C-alpha atoms as a PDB file:
ATOM      1  CA  MET A   1     114.377  88.755  80.185  1.00  0.00           C
ATOM      2  CA  PHE A   2     111.155  90.195  78.658  1.00  0.00           C
ATOM      3  CA  ASN A   3     112.141  93.644  77.541  1.00  0.00           C
ATOM      4  CA  LYS A   4     109.343  94.609  75.075  1.00  0.00           C
ATOM      5  CA  SER A   5     107.882  98.263  75.400  1.00  0.00           C
ATOM      6  CA  MET A   6     104.579 100.150  74.292  1.00  0.00           C
ATOM      7  CA  LYS A   7     104.022 103.703  72.931  1.00  0.00           C
ATOM      8  CA  LEU A   8     101.700 105.425  75.041  1.00  0.00           C
ATOM      9  CA  ASN A   9      99.150 108.146  73.342  1.00  0.00           C
ATOM     10  CA  ASN A  10     101.442 110.826  73.944  1.00  0.00           C
ATOM     11  CA  GLY A  11     104.399 109.395  72.180  1.00  0.00           C
ATOM     12  CA  VAL A  12     105.987 108.117  75.703  1.00  0.00           C
ATOM     13  CA  VAL A  13     107.504 104.566  75.598  1.00  0.00           C
ATOM     14  CA  ILE A  14     106.725 102.617  78.779  1.00  0.00           C
ATOM     15  CA  PRO A  15     108.226  99.039  79.226  1.00  0.00           C
ATOM     16  CA  GLN A  16     105.342  96.226  79.361  1.00  0.00           C
ATOM     17  CA  LEU A  17     106.621  94.457  82.468  1.00  0.00           C
ATOM     18  CA  ALA A  18     106.807  96.284  85.600  1.00  0.00           C
ATOM     19  CA  LEU A  19     107.582  95.692  89.234  1.00  0.00           C
ATOM     20  CA  GLY A  20     104.662  96.403  91.562  1.00  0.00           C
ATOM     21  CA  THR A  21     105.735  97.258  95.065  1.00  0.00           C
ATOM     22  CA  TRP A  22     102.383  97.117  96.863  1.00  0.00           C
ATOM     23  CA  LEU A  23     102.618  95.923 100.506  1.00  0.00           C
ATOM     24  CA  ILE A  24     106.475  95.903 100.308  1.00  0.00           C
ATOM     25  CA  ASP A  25     107.628  98.021 103.310  1.00  0.00           C
ATOM     26  CA  ASP A  26     109.660 101.005 102.913  1.00  0.00           C
ATOM     27  CA  ASP A  27     112.444  99.691 104.574  1.00  0.00           C
ATOM     28  CA  LYS A  28     112.449  96.694 102.238  1.00  0.00           C
ATOM     29  CA  VAL A  29     111.519  98.114  99.035  1.00  0.00           C
ATOM     30  CA  THR A  30     114.851  99.788  98.314  1.00  0.00           C
ATOM     31  CA  ASP A  31     116.717  96.066  97.853  1.00  0.00           C
ATOM     32  CA  ALA A  32     113.865  94.942  95.784  1.00  0.00           C
ATOM     33  CA  VAL A  33     114.100  97.848  93.569  1.00  0.00           C
ATOM     34  CA  LYS A  34     117.667  97.634  93.400  1.00  0.00           C
ATOM     35  CA  SER A  35     117.768  93.818  92.696  1.00  0.00           C
ATOM     36  CA  ASP A  36     114.917  94.320  89.986  1.00  0.00           C
ATOM     37  CA  LEU A  37     116.476  97.235  87.927  1.00  0.00           C
ATOM     38  CA  GLN A  38     119.825  95.551  88.187  1.00  0.00           C
ATOM     39  CA  MET A  39     118.457  92.152  86.649  1.00  0.00           C
ATOM     40  CA  GLY A  40     117.166  94.368  83.508  1.00  0.00           C
ATOM     41  CA  TYR A  41     113.571  95.536  84.800  1.00  0.00           C
ATOM     42  CA  ARG A  42     113.011  98.940  83.848  1.00  0.00           C
ATOM     43  CA  HIS A  43     109.572 100.023  85.131  1.00  0.00           C
ATOM     44  CA  ILE A  44     108.708 100.574  88.615  1.00  0.00           C
ATOM     45  CA  ASP A  45     105.164 101.064  89.937  1.00  0.00           C
ATOM     46  CA  THR A  46     104.577 102.752  93.461  1.00  0.00           C
ATOM     47  CA  ALA A  47     101.667 104.954  95.032  1.00  0.00           C
ATOM     48  CA  GLN A  48     101.544 107.336  97.735  1.00  0.00           C
ATOM     49  CA  ALA A  49      99.162 105.121  99.577  1.00  0.00           C
ATOM     50  CA  TYR A  50     101.868 102.305  99.616  1.00  0.00           C
ATOM     51  CA  GLY A  51     104.083 104.240 102.008  1.00  0.00           C
ATOM     52  CA  ASN A  52     107.131 103.207 100.395  1.00  0.00           C
ATOM     53  CA  GLU A  53     107.916 105.974  97.486  1.00  0.00           C
ATOM     54  CA  ARG A  54     111.032 107.207  99.691  1.00  0.00           C
ATOM     55  CA  GLY A  55     112.557 103.676  99.544  1.00  0.00           C
ATOM     56  CA  VAL A  56     111.587 103.297  95.853  1.00  0.00           C
ATOM     57  CA  GLY A  57     113.440 106.389  95.122  1.00  0.00           C
ATOM     58  CA  GLU A  58     116.440 105.324  97.049  1.00  0.00           C
ATOM     59  CA  GLY A  59     116.468 102.111  95.304  1.00  0.00           C
ATOM     60  CA  VAL A  60     116.610 103.777  91.872  1.00  0.00           C
ATOM     61  CA  ARG A  61     119.626 105.692  93.005  1.00  0.00           C
ATOM     62  CA  GLN A  62     121.369 102.831  94.543  1.00  0.00           C
ATOM     63  CA  SER A  63     120.928 100.806  91.280  1.00  0.00           C
ATOM     64  CA  GLY A  64     123.429 102.371  89.434  1.00  0.00           C
ATOM     65  CA  ILE A  65     121.169 102.627  86.386  1.00  0.00           C
ATOM     66  CA  PRO A  66     120.620 106.090  84.828  1.00  0.00           C
ATOM     67  CA  ARG A  67     117.461 107.617  85.950  1.00  0.00           C
ATOM     68  CA  ASP A  68     116.376 108.515  82.149  1.00  0.00           C
ATOM     69  CA  GLU A  69     116.465 104.557  81.382  1.00  0.00           C
ATOM     70  CA  ILE A  70     113.803 103.846  84.300  1.00  0.00           C
ATOM     71  CA  PHE A  71     110.213 104.504  84.072  1.00  0.00           C
ATOM     72  CA  ILE A  72     108.765 105.272  87.180  1.00  0.00           C
ATOM     73  CA  THR A  73     104.958 105.617  88.347  1.00  0.00           C
ATOM     74  CA  SER A  74     103.283 106.542  91.269  1.00  0.00           C
ATOM     75  CA  LYS A  75      99.454 107.198  92.186  1.00  0.00           C
ATOM     76  CA  VAL A  76      97.746 110.466  94.069  1.00  0.00           C
ATOM     77  CA  ALA A  77      96.111 108.823  96.913  1.00  0.00           C
ATOM     78  CA  ALA A  78      92.284 107.934  96.489  1.00  0.00           C
ATOM     79  CA  GLU A  79      91.663 110.791  99.385  1.00  0.00           C
ATOM     80  CA  HIS A  80      92.633 113.664  97.216  1.00  0.00           C
ATOM     81  CA  LYS A  81      89.650 114.919  95.524  1.00  0.00           C
ATOM     82  CA  SER A  82      90.425 118.788  95.222  1.00  0.00           C
ATOM     83  CA  TYR A  83      93.070 120.533  92.753  1.00  0.00           C
ATOM     84  CA  GLU A  84      95.094 121.786  95.698  1.00  0.00           C
ATOM     85  CA  SER A  85      95.567 118.382  97.768  1.00  0.00           C
ATOM     86  CA  ALA A  86      96.482 116.674  94.633  1.00  0.00           C
ATOM     87  CA  ALA A  87      98.717 119.248  93.152  1.00  0.00           C
ATOM     88  CA  LYS A  88     100.595 119.464  96.781  1.00  0.00           C
ATOM     89  CA  SER A  89     100.617 115.699  96.641  1.00  0.00           C
ATOM     90  CA  ILE A  90     102.413 115.704  93.377  1.00  0.00           C
ATOM     91  CA  ASP A  91     105.235 117.857  94.673  1.00  0.00           C
ATOM     92  CA  ASP A  92     105.380 115.882  97.829  1.00  0.00           C
ATOM     93  CA  THR A  93     106.054 112.760  96.168  1.00  0.00           C
ATOM     94  CA  LEU A  94     108.754 114.237  94.131  1.00  0.00           C
ATOM     95  CA  ALA A  95     110.307 115.473  97.185  1.00  0.00           C
ATOM     96  CA  LEU A  96     110.133 112.460  99.045  1.00  0.00           C
ATOM     97  CA  MET A  97     111.597 110.272  96.193  1.00  0.00           C
ATOM     98  CA  LYS A  98     114.092 113.034  95.509  1.00  0.00           C
ATOM     99  CA  MET A  99     113.538 113.449  91.896  1.00  0.00           C
ATOM    100  CA  ASP A 100     112.979 116.221  89.638  1.00  0.00           C
ATOM    101  CA  TYR A 101     110.190 114.442  87.655  1.00  0.00           C
ATOM    102  CA  LEU A 102     108.169 111.181  87.586  1.00  0.00           C
ATOM    103  CA  ASP A 103     107.672 109.317  84.381  1.00  0.00           C
ATOM    104  CA  MET A 104     103.815 109.049  85.175  1.00  0.00           C
ATOM    105  CA  MET A 105     101.306 109.598  87.972  1.00  0.00           C
ATOM    106  CA  ILE A 106      97.735 108.193  87.986  1.00  0.00           C
ATOM    107  CA  ILE A 107      94.715 108.540  90.014  1.00  0.00           C
ATOM    108  CA  HIS A 108      94.619 105.844  92.525  1.00  0.00           C
ATOM    109  CA  SER A 109      90.705 105.395  92.570  1.00  0.00           C
ATOM    110  CA  PRO A 110      87.681 107.504  91.471  1.00  0.00           C
ATOM    111  CA  GLN A 111      86.721 106.998  95.065  1.00  0.00           C
ATOM    112  CA  PRO A 112      88.309 107.391  98.480  1.00  0.00           C
ATOM    113  CA  TRP A 113      89.217 103.867  99.570  1.00  0.00           C
ATOM    114  CA  LYS A 114      86.588 104.077 102.502  1.00  0.00           C
ATOM    115  CA  GLU A 115      83.605 104.435 100.004  1.00  0.00           C
ATOM    116  CA  VAL A 116      84.832 101.907  97.672  1.00  0.00           C
ATOM    117  CA  ASN A 117      82.093  99.462  96.916  1.00  0.00           C
ATOM    118  CA  GLN A 118      79.848 101.246  99.647  1.00  0.00           C
ATOM    119  CA  SER A 119      78.839 104.121  97.814  1.00  0.00           C
ATOM    120  CA  GLU A 120      77.186 105.244  94.342  1.00  0.00           C
ATOM    121  CA  ASN A 121      79.209 108.634  94.641  1.00  0.00           C
ATOM    122  CA  ARG A 122      81.584 108.455  91.762  1.00  0.00           C
ATOM    123  CA  TYR A 123      83.064 112.060  92.520  1.00  0.00           C
ATOM    124  CA  LYS A 124      82.745 113.236  88.957  1.00  0.00           C
ATOM    125  CA  LYS A 125      83.503 116.787  89.335  1.00  0.00           C
ATOM    126  CA  GLU A 126      86.400 116.299  91.698  1.00  0.00           C
ATOM    127  CA  ASN A 127      87.988 113.797  89.643  1.00  0.00           C
ATOM    128  CA  GLN A 128      87.966 116.535  87.069  1.00  0.00           C
ATOM    129  CA  GLU A 129      89.607 118.613  89.402  1.00  0.00           C
ATOM    130  CA  VAL A 130      92.500 116.106  90.389  1.00  0.00           C
ATOM    131  CA  TRP A 131      92.787 115.280  86.502  1.00  0.00           C
ATOM    132  CA  ARG A 132      93.581 119.266  86.042  1.00  0.00           C
ATOM    133  CA  ALA A 133      96.116 119.143  88.605  1.00  0.00           C
ATOM    134  CA  LEU A 134      97.713 115.916  86.719  1.00  0.00           C
ATOM    135  CA  GLU A 135      97.845 117.970  83.452  1.00  0.00           C
ATOM    136  CA  ASP A 136      99.229 121.198  84.636  1.00  0.00           C
ATOM    137  CA  ALA A 137     101.968 119.029  86.725  1.00  0.00           C
ATOM    138  CA  LEU A 138     102.625 117.407  83.000  1.00  0.00           C
ATOM    139  CA  GLU A 139     102.897 120.528  81.322  1.00  0.00           C
ATOM    140  CA  ALA A 140     105.165 121.857  83.884  1.00  0.00           C
ATOM    141  CA  GLY A 141     107.370 119.071  83.297  1.00  0.00           C
ATOM    142  CA  LYS A 142     106.828 117.393  86.387  1.00  0.00           C
ATOM    143  CA  LEU A 143     105.686 114.245  84.913  1.00  0.00           C
ATOM    144  CA  ARG A 144     105.966 112.787  81.547  1.00  0.00           C
ATOM    145  CA  ALA A 145     102.595 111.028  81.357  1.00  0.00           C
ATOM    146  CA  ILE A 146      99.398 110.676  83.299  1.00  0.00           C
ATOM    147  CA  GLY A 147      96.544 108.207  83.979  1.00  0.00           C
ATOM    148  CA  VAL A 148      93.885 106.690  85.960  1.00  0.00           C
ATOM    149  CA  SER A 149      93.375 103.515  87.958  1.00  0.00           C
ATOM    150  CA  ASN A 150      90.258 101.394  88.921  1.00  0.00           C
ATOM    151  CA  PHE A 151      88.410 103.653  86.641  1.00  0.00           C
ATOM    152  CA  LEU A 152      85.001 102.036  85.068  1.00  0.00           C
ATOM    153  CA  GLU A 153      83.952 103.176  81.651  1.00  0.00           C
ATOM    154  CA  GLU A 154      81.787 105.988  83.138  1.00  0.00           C
ATOM    155  CA  ASP A 155      84.652 107.306  85.177  1.00  0.00           C
ATOM    156  CA  VAL A 156      86.736 107.354  82.256  1.00  0.00           C
ATOM    157  CA  GLN A 157      84.167 109.056  79.945  1.00  0.00           C
ATOM    158  CA  ASN A 158      83.683 111.775  82.809  1.00  0.00           C
ATOM    159  CA  ILE A 159      87.362 112.764  82.431  1.00  0.00           C
ATOM    160  CA  LEU A 160      87.105 112.667  78.886  1.00  0.00           C
ATOM    161  CA  LYS A 161      84.358 115.350  78.888  1.00  0.00           C
ATOM    162  CA  THR A 162      86.825 118.052  80.400  1.00  0.00           C
ATOM    163  CA  ALA A 163      90.329 116.941  79.758  1.00  0.00           C
ATOM    164  CA  ARG A 164      92.951 118.725  77.866  1.00  0.00           C
ATOM    165  CA  ILE A 165      95.126 115.724  77.584  1.00  0.00           C
ATOM    166  CA  LYS A 166      93.742 112.273  77.357  1.00  0.00           C
ATOM    167  CA  PRO A 167      94.705 109.730  79.969  1.00  0.00           C
ATOM    168  CA  GLN A 168      97.680 107.546  78.819  1.00  0.00           C
ATOM    169  CA  VAL A 169      96.665 104.550  80.966  1.00  0.00           C
ATOM    170  CA  ASN A 170      93.883 103.014  83.058  1.00  0.00           C
ATOM    171  CA  GLN A 171      95.600 100.536  85.807  1.00  0.00           C
ATOM    172  CA  ILE A 172      93.010  97.937  86.829  1.00  0.00           C
ATOM    173  CA  LEU A 173      92.580  94.392  88.341  1.00  0.00           C
ATOM    174  CA  ALA A 174      92.948  91.779  85.557  1.00  0.00           C
ATOM    175  CA  HIS A 175      94.039  88.225  85.620  1.00  0.00           C
ATOM    176  CA  ILE A 176      93.055  84.997  84.374  1.00  0.00           C
ATOM    177  CA  SER A 177      89.458  84.424  85.742  1.00  0.00           C
ATOM    178  CA  ASN A 178      88.956  88.142  85.899  1.00  0.00           C
ATOM    179  CA  THR A 179      89.297  89.742  82.653  1.00  0.00           C
ATOM    180  CA  PRO A 180      87.109  92.629  82.124  1.00  0.00           C
ATOM    181  CA  LEU A 181      87.003  92.513  78.386  1.00  0.00           C
ATOM    182  CA  ASP A 182      84.274  95.283  77.629  1.00  0.00           C
ATOM    183  CA  LEU A 183      86.485  97.803  79.950  1.00  0.00           C
ATOM    184  CA  ILE A 184      89.815  96.843  78.573  1.00  0.00           C
ATOM    185  CA  GLN A 185      88.485  97.141  74.875  1.00  0.00           C
ATOM    186  CA  TYR A 186      86.802 100.418  75.528  1.00  0.00           C
ATOM    187  CA  CYS A 187      90.150 101.821  76.827  1.00  0.00           C
ATOM    188  CA  GLN A 188      92.238 100.415  74.000  1.00  0.00           C
ATOM    189  CA  ASN A 189      89.945 101.759  71.349  1.00  0.00           C
ATOM    190  CA  GLU A 190      90.244 105.082  73.172  1.00  0.00           C
ATOM    191  CA  GLY A 191      93.919 104.649  72.902  1.00  0.00           C
ATOM    192  CA  ILE A 192      94.170 104.370  76.548  1.00  0.00           C
ATOM    193  CA  ALA A 193      96.533 101.617  77.456  1.00  0.00           C
ATOM    194  CA  VAL A 194      95.758  98.949  79.807  1.00  0.00           C
ATOM    195  CA  GLU A 195      97.790  97.960  83.079  1.00  0.00           C
ATOM    196  CA  ALA A 196      96.966  94.813  84.642  1.00  0.00           C
ATOM    197  CA  TYR A 197      97.780  94.692  88.503  1.00  0.00           C
ATOM    198  CA  SER A 198      97.652  91.485  90.712  1.00  0.00           C
ATOM    199  CA  PRO A 199      97.884  89.406  87.452  1.00  0.00           C
ATOM    200  CA  VAL A 200      98.454  86.152  89.631  1.00  0.00           C
ATOM    201  CA  ALA A 201      95.103  87.169  91.743  1.00  0.00           C
ATOM    202  CA  HIS A 202      96.859  87.882  94.678  1.00  0.00           C
ATOM    203  CA  GLY A 203      98.284  84.228  94.850  1.00  0.00           C
ATOM    204  CA  GLU A 204      94.878  82.819  94.333  1.00  0.00           C
ATOM    205  CA  ALA A 205      95.383  81.779  90.761  1.00  0.00           C
ATOM    206  CA  LEU A 206      98.041  79.209  92.213  1.00  0.00           C
ATOM    207  CA  LYS A 207      95.173  77.269  93.730  1.00  0.00           C
ATOM    208  CA  ASN A 208      93.028  77.107  90.558  1.00  0.00           C
ATOM    209  CA  GLU A 209      93.292  73.605  89.091  1.00  0.00           C
ATOM    210  CA  LYS A 210      92.891  74.461  85.252  1.00  0.00           C
ATOM    211  CA  ILE A 211      95.284  77.534  85.617  1.00  0.00           C
ATOM    212  CA  VAL A 212      97.813  75.051  87.420  1.00  0.00           C
ATOM    213  CA  ALA A 213      97.196  72.468  84.558  1.00  0.00           C
ATOM    214  CA  MET A 214      97.619  75.095  81.767  1.00  0.00           C
ATOM    215  CA  ALA A 215     100.955  76.180  83.388  1.00  0.00           C
ATOM    216  CA  LYS A 216     102.334  72.597  83.563  1.00  0.00           C
ATOM    217  CA  LYS A 217     101.153  72.099  79.559  1.00  0.00           C
ATOM    218  CA  TYR A 218     103.731  74.858  78.730  1.00  0.00           C
ATOM    219  CA  GLY A 219     106.227  73.978  81.164  1.00  0.00           C
ATOM    220  CA  VAL A 220     105.988  77.309  83.040  1.00  0.00           C
ATOM    221  CA  SER A 221     104.992  78.731  86.795  1.00  0.00           C
ATOM    222  CA  VAL A 222     101.769  79.706  87.077  1.00  0.00           C
ATOM    223  CA  ALA A 223     103.073  83.082  87.499  1.00  0.00           C
ATOM    224  CA  GLN A 224     104.621  83.046  84.284  1.00  0.00           C
ATOM    225  CA  LEU A 225     101.128  81.885  82.574  1.00  0.00           C
ATOM    226  CA  CYS A 226      99.380  84.570  84.105  1.00  0.00           C
ATOM    227  CA  ILE A 227     101.865  87.332  83.366  1.00  0.00           C
ATOM    228  CA  ARG A 228     102.112  86.053  79.573  1.00  0.00           C
ATOM    229  CA  TYR A 229      98.249  86.039  79.360  1.00  0.00           C
ATOM    230  CA  CYS A 230      98.001  89.620  80.115  1.00  0.00           C
ATOM    231  CA  ILE A 231     100.874  90.645  77.870  1.00  0.00           C
ATOM    232  CA  GLN A 232      99.113  88.621  74.927  1.00  0.00           C
ATOM    233  CA  LEU A 233      96.065  90.644  75.712  1.00  0.00           C
ATOM    234  CA  ASP A 234      98.095  93.655  75.051  1.00  0.00           C
ATOM    235  CA  MET A 235      98.313  95.103  78.685  1.00  0.00           C
ATOM    236  CA  ILE A 236     101.066  96.362  80.675  1.00  0.00           C
ATOM    237  CA  VAL A 237     101.624  93.946  83.725  1.00  0.00           C
ATOM    238  CA  LEU A 238     102.630  94.646  87.090  1.00  0.00           C
ATOM    239  CA  PRO A 239     103.527  91.544  89.190  1.00  0.00           C
ATOM    240  CA  LYS A 240     104.493  92.399  92.622  1.00  0.00           C
ATOM    241  CA  THR A 241     107.333  90.559  94.413  1.00  0.00           C
ATOM    242  CA  ALA A 242     110.317  91.240  96.808  1.00  0.00           C
ATOM    243  CA  ASN A 243     111.851  87.928  96.014  1.00  0.00           C
ATOM    244  CA  PRO A 244     114.661  88.207  93.295  1.00  0.00           C
ATOM    245  CA  ASP A 245     114.135  84.487  92.231  1.00  0.00           C
ATOM    246  CA  HIS A 246     110.499  85.388  91.459  1.00  0.00           C
ATOM    247  CA  MET A 247     111.602  88.599  89.733  1.00  0.00           C
ATOM    248  CA  ARG A 248     113.745  86.659  87.508  1.00  0.00           C
ATOM    249  CA  GLU A 249     111.141  83.747  86.624  1.00  0.00           C
ATOM    250  CA  ASN A 250     108.425  86.569  85.944  1.00  0.00           C
ATOM    251  CA  ALA A 251     110.558  87.941  83.361  1.00  0.00           C
ATOM    252  CA  ASP A 252     111.223  84.748  81.721  1.00  0.00           C
ATOM    253  CA  LEU A 253     108.282  84.835  79.134  1.00  0.00           C
ATOM    254  CA  ASP A 254     109.976  83.333  76.066  1.00  0.00           C
ATOM    255  CA  PHE A 255     106.820  81.275  75.294  1.00  0.00           C
ATOM    256  CA  GLU A 256     103.295  81.850  73.670  1.00  0.00           C
ATOM    257  CA  ILE A 257      99.932  80.817  74.619  1.00  0.00           C
ATOM    258  CA  SER A 258      97.892  79.257  71.751  1.00  0.00           C
ATOM    259  CA  GLN A 259      94.845  81.267  70.613  1.00  0.00           C
ATOM    260  CA  GLU A 260      92.972  78.354  71.574  1.00  0.00           C
ATOM    261  CA  ASP A 261      94.413  78.001  75.140  1.00  0.00           C
ATOM    262  CA  MET A 262      93.770  81.817  75.430  1.00  0.00           C
ATOM    263  CA  ARG A 263      90.080  81.328  74.830  1.00  0.00           C
ATOM    264  CA  GLU A 264      90.154  78.544  77.259  1.00  0.00           C
ATOM    265  CA  LEU A 265      91.905  80.872  79.980  1.00  0.00           C
ATOM    266  CA  LEU A 266      89.403  83.783  79.124  1.00  0.00           C
ATOM    267  CA  ALA A 267      86.604  81.264  79.909  1.00  0.00           C
ATOM    268  CA  ILE A 268      87.593  80.045  83.475  1.00  0.00           C
ATOM    269  CA  ASP A 269      85.111  80.999  86.202  1.00  0.00           C
ATOM    270  CA  LYS A 270      85.774  84.190  87.949  1.00  0.00           C
ATOM    271  CA  ILE A 271      87.495  83.846  91.452  1.00  0.00           C
ATOM    272  CA  GLN A 272      84.963  84.823  94.011  1.00  0.00           C
ATOM    273  CA  ASP A 273      87.172  84.848  96.972  1.00  0.00           C
ATOM    274  CA  TYR A 274      90.645  86.189  97.414  1.00  0.00           C
ATOM    275  CA  GLY A 275      91.203  84.757 100.719  1.00  0.00           C
ATOM    276  CA  GLU A 276      93.194  86.654 103.322  1.00  0.00           C
ATOM    277  CA  ALA A 277      93.069  89.940 100.801  1.00  0.00           C
ATOM    278  CA  SER A 278      89.441  89.848 100.390  1.00  0.00           C
ATOM    279  CA  PHE A 279      89.154  92.698 102.924  1.00  0.00           C
ATOM    280  CA  PHE A 280      90.823  95.162 100.274  1.00  0.00           C
ATOM    281  CA  PRO A 281      88.438  97.270  98.663  1.00  0.00           C
ATOM    282  CA  VAL A 282      89.821  96.109  95.311  1.00  0.00           C
ATOM    283  CA  TYR A 283      88.952  92.499  95.607  1.00  0.00           C
ATOM    284  CA  GLY A 284      85.658  92.904  97.246  1.00  0.00           C
ATOM    285  CA  GLY A 285      83.020  93.921  94.384  1.00  0.00           C
ATOM    286  CA  LYS A 286      82.613  96.580  91.692  1.00  0.00           C
ATOM    287  CA  MET A 287      86.081  97.915  91.273  1.00  0.00           C
END
């Protein structure tokens, strides 16, 4: 079981491997979270937009694992672009999950989803206000860490202009064939940890001949190779699954990709078509 952790820029320790819960229904996520935690995972990622925060909270309680041993992240919905609505949404999430605090809360997107890839408006002043709500919630003890998601360098710089507290993370789409190294290195140089969601490219990596061949070389699954790749780039990784067998396999990362093979994986042509997932804004362009 891969159980390494990283220290965020405020000293909070975060497990480097997490269970992502996007697209896992509220009535199914409780069992997924419970299985995951009993297997040894200690980091769960959810969001207001996923509609499963209640079930995640229930899974944590049913797992029998002490709350202070589990790192739980949620996200302020992308549509909240004022201090008041963001602050209320944080309180609503805590009430829905029946928790006194979350380990981390992040802004889900700099733009409301309906405007992602459609508008040049980056909501700069609005995101600064949402960030202020997160800072206040952290200082009130409701959160232990705060961050952003899907933020480009210009969006991060905008937050830093007025922030009292620097973001602890930026959670972005990152996987073999789509590794935004400039953004990753910028964040890491600023002391902002990078989290990689969709490390298996929403399943599209399973169809890439070069990735499949490299996984065979190491005697591992494509998912294991993809997760290990992100780990070796010093990212926190959030593979999504409700399948206990896949959870177990995803955490079996006792191998190392050579520097030569890492360079080869970094050079793989970008996946242009995410198939059925292409209609999701995160797979559709600039983000």
